[in-house]
Amino acid sequence: MTSYIESTAGVAAGGRSGVTAIVTGLLFLAAIGAAPFAALVPQAATAPALILVGSMMLTTVSEIRWRDP
């Protein structure tokens, strides 16, 4: 399901050709090389960033029409 949603988001952003998938694959290969360096960052340093991103994601909750399912 996640890959379908990501694919739909890519198409909505204008990536309708196969080049988008190729670039994404190449970036994932680059991320494999960068993964050991990301592991050097302690969890105590990443937790505040995750909390900040989560709080930014929650700002859209106020736009949900809860009374109109």
Protein backbone atom coordinates (compact mmCIF):
# COMPACT_ATOMS: atom_id res chain seq x y z
CA MET A 1 0.00 0.00 0.00
CA THR A 2 2.82 2.40 0.81
CA SER A 3 4.46 1.96 -2.57
CA TYR A 4 1.15 2.67 -4.30
CA ILE A 5 0.67 5.90 -2.36
CA GLU A 6 4.25 6.99 -3.00
CA SER A 7 3.81 6.23 -6.70
CA THR A 8 0.60 8.25 -6.77
CA ALA A 9 2.33 11.14 -5.02
CA GLY A 10 5.11 11.02 -7.61
CA VAL A 11 2.64 11.13 -10.48
CA ALA A 12 0.77 14.01 -8.84
CA ALA A 13 4.06 15.90 -8.59
CA GLY A 14 4.64 15.50 -12.33
CA GLY A 15 6.73 12.32 -12.56
CA ARG A 16 4.82 10.34 -15.16
CA SER A 17 7.73 8.71 -16.95
CA GLY A 18 9.97 5.89 -15.86
CA VAL A 19 12.83 8.32 -15.25
CA THR A 20 11.34 9.17 -11.86
CA ALA A 21 11.61 5.55 -10.75
CA ILE A 22 15.18 5.30 -12.02
CA VAL A 23 16.26 8.43 -10.15
CA THR A 24 14.55 7.19 -7.00
CA GLY A 25 16.34 3.86 -7.28
CA LEU A 26 19.70 5.57 -7.73
CA LEU A 27 19.06 7.76 -4.69
CA PHE A 28 18.24 4.64 -2.66
CA LEU A 29 21.56 3.12 -3.76
CA ALA A 30 23.32 6.28 -2.57
CA ALA A 31 21.43 6.03 0.72
CA ILE A 32 22.83 2.53 1.25
CA GLY A 33 26.32 4.03 1.23
CA ALA A 34 25.29 6.80 3.63
CA ALA A 35 23.51 4.48 6.10
CA PRO A 36 26.61 3.73 8.22
CA PHE A 37 27.18 7.45 8.72
CA ALA A 38 23.56 7.95 9.77
CA ALA A 39 24.02 5.20 12.36
CA LEU A 40 26.72 7.31 14.03
CA VAL A 41 24.11 9.82 15.18
CA PRO A 42 22.84 8.85 18.66
CA GLN A 43 19.13 8.30 19.21
CA ALA A 44 19.02 11.13 21.72
CA ALA A 45 19.86 13.52 18.88
CA THR A 46 17.23 12.18 16.48
CA ALA A 47 14.31 12.06 18.94
CA PRO A 48 13.72 15.85 19.02
CA ALA A 49 13.70 15.96 15.23
CA LEU A 50 11.10 13.17 15.09
CA ILE A 51 8.95 14.93 17.68
CA LEU A 52 9.14 18.15 15.66
CA VAL A 53 8.16 16.41 12.41
CA GLY A 54 5.31 14.63 14.18
CA SER A 55 3.99 17.88 15.59
CA MET A 56 4.12 19.49 12.15
CA MET A 57 2.15 16.55 10.76
CA LEU A 58 -0.47 17.00 13.47
CA THR A 59 -1.16 20.61 12.49
CA THR A 60 -3.41 19.39 9.68
CA VAL A 61 -5.63 17.51 12.14
CA SER A 62 -7.49 20.76 12.81
CA GLU A 63 -8.57 20.83 9.15
CA ILE A 64 -10.35 17.47 9.36
CA ARG A 65 -14.14 17.74 9.41
CA TRP A 66 -14.79 15.31 12.23
CA ARG A 67 -18.57 15.77 12.24
CA ASP A 68 -18.88 15.02 8.50
CA PRO A 69 -17.75 11.43 7.89
